[in-house]
N, C-alpha and C. Protein backbone atom coordinates (compact mmCIF):
# COMPACT_ATOMS: atom_id res chain seq x y z
N MET A 1 -4.55 7.43 -15.17
CA MET A 1 -3.94 6.38 -14.37
C MET A 1 -2.82 6.99 -13.54
N LYS A 2 -2.59 6.37 -12.38
CA LYS A 2 -1.65 6.94 -11.43
C LYS A 2 -0.83 5.84 -10.78
N ARG A 3 0.39 6.21 -10.39
CA ARG A 3 1.26 5.33 -9.61
C ARG A 3 1.76 6.11 -8.40
N ILE A 4 1.58 5.52 -7.21
CA ILE A 4 1.99 6.16 -5.96
C ILE A 4 2.79 5.17 -5.13
N ARG A 5 3.91 5.64 -4.59
CA ARG A 5 4.69 4.87 -3.61
C ARG A 5 4.33 5.41 -2.23
N VAL A 6 4.03 4.51 -1.30
CA VAL A 6 3.57 4.89 0.04
C VAL A 6 4.47 4.21 1.08
N CYS A 7 4.84 4.96 2.12
CA CYS A 7 5.52 4.39 3.28
C CYS A 7 4.67 4.67 4.50
N ILE A 8 4.39 3.63 5.27
CA ILE A 8 3.51 3.72 6.43
C ILE A 8 4.31 3.42 7.67
N SER A 9 4.24 4.32 8.65
CA SER A 9 4.96 4.18 9.92
C SER A 9 3.98 3.95 11.05
N GLY A 10 4.47 3.34 12.12
CA GLY A 10 3.66 3.08 13.31
C GLY A 10 3.73 1.60 13.64
N LEU A 11 2.70 1.10 14.28
CA LEU A 11 2.58 -0.33 14.55
C LEU A 11 1.94 -0.95 13.31
N VAL A 12 2.79 -1.30 12.34
CA VAL A 12 2.29 -1.76 11.05
C VAL A 12 2.90 -3.11 10.62
N GLN A 13 3.77 -3.66 11.44
CA GLN A 13 4.29 -5.00 11.16
C GLN A 13 3.81 -5.94 12.25
N GLY A 14 3.49 -7.17 11.86
CA GLY A 14 2.98 -8.14 12.81
C GLY A 14 1.50 -7.98 13.12
N VAL A 15 0.80 -7.20 12.29
CA VAL A 15 -0.63 -6.95 12.51
C VAL A 15 -1.44 -7.22 11.24
N CYS A 16 -0.90 -8.05 10.35
CA CYS A 16 -1.55 -8.41 9.09
C CYS A 16 -1.74 -7.23 8.14
N PHE A 17 -0.87 -6.23 8.24
CA PHE A 17 -1.00 -5.05 7.40
C PHE A 17 -0.83 -5.40 5.93
N ARG A 18 0.16 -6.21 5.61
CA ARG A 18 0.40 -6.55 4.20
C ARG A 18 -0.77 -7.32 3.60
N ALA A 19 -1.28 -8.31 4.31
CA ALA A 19 -2.40 -9.10 3.79
C ALA A 19 -3.65 -8.24 3.62
N ALA A 20 -3.90 -7.38 4.58
CA ALA A 20 -5.07 -6.50 4.49
C ALA A 20 -4.90 -5.49 3.35
N THR A 21 -3.67 -5.03 3.14
CA THR A 21 -3.40 -4.12 2.03
C THR A 21 -3.66 -4.81 0.70
N ARG A 22 -3.21 -6.06 0.58
CA ARG A 22 -3.44 -6.81 -0.66
C ARG A 22 -4.94 -6.95 -0.94
N ARG A 23 -5.72 -7.28 0.08
CA ARG A 23 -7.17 -7.42 -0.11
C ARG A 23 -7.81 -6.09 -0.51
N ALA A 24 -7.43 -5.00 0.20
CA ALA A 24 -8.01 -3.69 -0.10
C ALA A 24 -7.65 -3.24 -1.51
N ALA A 25 -6.40 -3.46 -1.91
CA ALA A 25 -5.97 -3.07 -3.25
C ALA A 25 -6.71 -3.88 -4.32
N ALA A 26 -6.87 -5.17 -4.08
CA ALA A 26 -7.59 -6.02 -5.03
C ALA A 26 -9.04 -5.58 -5.15
N ASP A 27 -9.66 -5.21 -4.04
CA ASP A 27 -11.05 -4.73 -4.06
C ASP A 27 -11.19 -3.47 -4.92
N LEU A 28 -10.12 -2.67 -4.99
CA LEU A 28 -10.13 -1.43 -5.78
C LEU A 28 -9.54 -1.63 -7.18
N ASN A 29 -9.25 -2.87 -7.54
CA ASN A 29 -8.67 -3.19 -8.85
C ASN A 29 -7.33 -2.50 -9.08
N LEU A 30 -6.55 -2.37 -8.02
CA LEU A 30 -5.22 -1.78 -8.12
C LEU A 30 -4.18 -2.88 -8.31
N THR A 31 -3.08 -2.54 -8.95
CA THR A 31 -1.96 -3.45 -9.07
C THR A 31 -0.76 -2.85 -8.34
N GLY A 32 0.25 -3.69 -8.10
CA GLY A 32 1.45 -3.22 -7.42
C GLY A 32 1.93 -4.24 -6.41
N TRP A 33 2.50 -3.76 -5.32
CA TRP A 33 3.05 -4.65 -4.30
C TRP A 33 3.12 -3.94 -2.95
N VAL A 34 3.34 -4.75 -1.91
CA VAL A 34 3.53 -4.26 -0.55
C VAL A 34 4.59 -5.13 0.11
N HIS A 35 5.43 -4.52 0.97
CA HIS A 35 6.41 -5.31 1.71
C HIS A 35 6.82 -4.57 2.98
N ASN A 36 7.39 -5.35 3.91
CA ASN A 36 7.93 -4.79 5.15
C ASN A 36 9.32 -4.25 4.89
N LEU A 37 9.63 -3.14 5.54
CA LEU A 37 10.98 -2.60 5.52
C LEU A 37 11.69 -2.99 6.81
N GLU A 38 13.00 -3.05 6.77
CA GLU A 38 13.77 -3.46 7.94
C GLU A 38 13.61 -2.50 9.11
N ASP A 39 13.26 -1.24 8.85
CA ASP A 39 13.13 -0.24 9.92
C ASP A 39 11.76 -0.25 10.60
N GLY A 40 10.90 -1.22 10.25
CA GLY A 40 9.59 -1.33 10.90
C GLY A 40 8.44 -0.71 10.12
N ARG A 41 8.74 -0.01 9.03
CA ARG A 41 7.68 0.56 8.19
C ARG A 41 7.21 -0.46 7.17
N VAL A 42 6.10 -0.14 6.53
CA VAL A 42 5.58 -0.91 5.40
C VAL A 42 5.62 0.02 4.19
N GLU A 43 6.08 -0.52 3.06
CA GLU A 43 6.14 0.24 1.81
C GLU A 43 5.25 -0.44 0.78
N ALA A 44 4.59 0.36 -0.04
CA ALA A 44 3.73 -0.19 -1.09
C ALA A 44 3.77 0.70 -2.32
N VAL A 45 3.50 0.09 -3.46
CA VAL A 45 3.32 0.82 -4.71
C VAL A 45 1.96 0.43 -5.25
N PHE A 46 1.17 1.44 -5.57
CA PHE A 46 -0.18 1.22 -6.10
C PHE A 46 -0.28 1.84 -7.49
N GLU A 47 -0.87 1.11 -8.43
CA GLU A 47 -1.16 1.64 -9.76
C GLU A 47 -2.63 1.39 -10.06
N GLY A 48 -3.26 2.40 -10.66
CA GLY A 48 -4.65 2.27 -11.07
C GLY A 48 -5.29 3.61 -11.32
N GLU A 49 -6.60 3.60 -11.36
CA GLU A 49 -7.36 4.83 -11.57
C GLU A 49 -7.09 5.82 -10.43
N ASP A 50 -7.02 7.09 -10.77
CA ASP A 50 -6.71 8.13 -9.78
C ASP A 50 -7.57 8.05 -8.53
N THR A 51 -8.90 7.92 -8.72
CA THR A 51 -9.79 7.91 -7.56
C THR A 51 -9.58 6.68 -6.69
N ASP A 52 -9.29 5.54 -7.31
CA ASP A 52 -9.06 4.32 -6.55
C ASP A 52 -7.73 4.38 -5.79
N VAL A 53 -6.71 4.96 -6.39
CA VAL A 53 -5.44 5.16 -5.69
C VAL A 53 -5.66 6.08 -4.49
N GLY A 54 -6.45 7.12 -4.67
CA GLY A 54 -6.77 8.02 -3.56
C GLY A 54 -7.49 7.31 -2.43
N LYS A 55 -8.41 6.42 -2.77
CA LYS A 55 -9.11 5.63 -1.75
C LYS A 55 -8.15 4.72 -1.00
N MET A 56 -7.17 4.17 -1.72
CA MET A 56 -6.20 3.28 -1.09
C MET A 56 -5.29 4.05 -0.14
N ILE A 57 -4.90 5.24 -0.52
CA ILE A 57 -4.08 6.07 0.37
C ILE A 57 -4.86 6.38 1.65
N ALA A 58 -6.13 6.70 1.51
CA ALA A 58 -6.97 6.95 2.69
C ALA A 58 -7.06 5.71 3.56
N TRP A 59 -7.17 4.53 2.95
CA TRP A 59 -7.21 3.28 3.70
C TRP A 59 -5.90 3.09 4.47
N CYS A 60 -4.77 3.38 3.84
CA CYS A 60 -3.46 3.21 4.48
C CYS A 60 -3.32 4.08 5.74
N LYS A 61 -4.01 5.18 5.79
CA LYS A 61 -3.94 6.08 6.95
C LYS A 61 -4.62 5.48 8.17
N VAL A 62 -5.42 4.43 7.95
CA VAL A 62 -6.11 3.74 9.04
C VAL A 62 -5.56 2.32 9.19
N GLY A 63 -5.50 1.59 8.07
CA GLY A 63 -5.00 0.21 8.08
C GLY A 63 -5.98 -0.76 8.69
N PRO A 64 -5.53 -2.00 8.91
CA PRO A 64 -6.39 -3.01 9.51
C PRO A 64 -6.60 -2.72 11.00
N PRO A 65 -7.57 -3.38 11.63
CA PRO A 65 -7.92 -3.06 13.02
C PRO A 65 -6.78 -3.08 14.03
N ALA A 66 -5.84 -4.00 13.92
CA ALA A 66 -4.76 -4.10 14.92
C ALA A 66 -3.64 -3.09 14.70
N ALA A 67 -3.63 -2.43 13.55
CA ALA A 67 -2.56 -1.46 13.24
C ALA A 67 -2.78 -0.15 13.96
N ARG A 68 -1.69 0.56 14.18
CA ARG A 68 -1.72 1.92 14.73
C ARG A 68 -0.84 2.78 13.83
N VAL A 69 -1.45 3.36 12.81
CA VAL A 69 -0.71 4.14 11.82
C VAL A 69 -0.39 5.51 12.41
N GLU A 70 0.88 5.87 12.35
CA GLU A 70 1.33 7.18 12.84
C GLU A 70 1.59 8.17 11.71
N LYS A 71 2.10 7.66 10.58
CA LYS A 71 2.47 8.57 9.49
C LYS A 71 2.41 7.82 8.16
N VAL A 72 1.91 8.50 7.14
CA VAL A 72 1.89 7.97 5.79
C VAL A 72 2.53 9.02 4.88
N THR A 73 3.58 8.62 4.18
CA THR A 73 4.20 9.51 3.20
C THR A 73 3.94 8.94 1.82
N THR A 74 3.71 9.83 0.86
CA THR A 74 3.43 9.40 -0.50
C THR A 74 4.35 10.11 -1.48
N MET A 75 4.65 9.43 -2.56
CA MET A 75 5.44 10.01 -3.64
C MET A 75 4.86 9.52 -4.96
N GLU A 76 4.46 10.46 -5.81
CA GLU A 76 3.94 10.08 -7.11
C GLU A 76 5.10 9.71 -8.02
N GLU A 77 4.92 8.62 -8.76
CA GLU A 77 5.93 8.15 -9.70
C GLU A 77 5.29 8.05 -11.08
N GLN A 78 6.11 7.83 -12.08
CA GLN A 78 5.62 7.67 -13.44
C GLN A 78 4.81 6.37 -13.55
N TYR A 79 3.59 6.47 -14.02
CA TYR A 79 2.76 5.28 -14.22
C TYR A 79 3.42 4.40 -15.28
N ALA A 80 3.53 3.09 -14.98
CA ALA A 80 4.18 2.17 -15.91
C ALA A 80 3.26 1.05 -16.37
N GLY A 81 2.26 0.71 -15.57
CA GLY A 81 1.33 -0.36 -15.94
C GLY A 81 2.00 -1.72 -16.04
N GLY A 82 3.03 -1.94 -15.25
CA GLY A 82 3.82 -3.15 -15.38
C GLY A 82 3.50 -4.27 -14.41
N PHE A 83 2.46 -4.14 -13.61
CA PHE A 83 2.14 -5.18 -12.63
C PHE A 83 0.93 -5.98 -13.08
N PRO A 84 0.99 -7.32 -13.02
CA PRO A 84 -0.17 -8.12 -13.42
C PRO A 84 -1.27 -8.15 -12.36
N ASP A 85 -0.89 -7.91 -11.09
CA ASP A 85 -1.84 -7.96 -9.99
C ASP A 85 -1.24 -7.21 -8.80
N PHE A 86 -1.79 -7.41 -7.62
CA PHE A 86 -1.24 -6.81 -6.41
C PHE A 86 -0.70 -7.94 -5.54
N SER A 87 0.57 -7.85 -5.16
CA SER A 87 1.20 -8.94 -4.45
C SER A 87 1.94 -8.48 -3.20
N ILE A 88 2.23 -9.43 -2.35
CA ILE A 88 3.09 -9.21 -1.19
C ILE A 88 4.50 -9.64 -1.59
N LYS A 89 5.45 -8.74 -1.42
CA LYS A 89 6.85 -9.06 -1.70
C LYS A 89 7.52 -9.46 -0.40
N TYR A 90 8.32 -10.50 -0.46
CA TYR A 90 9.08 -10.95 0.70
C TYR A 90 10.55 -10.75 0.38
N LEU A 91 11.21 -9.99 1.24
CA LEU A 91 12.64 -9.70 1.01
C LEU A 91 13.53 -10.58 1.83
């Protein structure tokens, strides 16, 4: 099992990126969250099987059709298994 924190830069706010991320993560049986950052990026945490987390990172590099992803940074964190599902966080 793996936990990855991802930050996505580009045209990623106002293009349904969070909703599409939630659907894609649910399809891969991942848990965690996604939210907008004040600087225009989107941040997410994914937990699940290694291969499924890898598929989600690949998805983030493309995003939904209206998005224009410029950069994706990832940081592996300690797996905690503390999320009941995958949700959108509103700050």
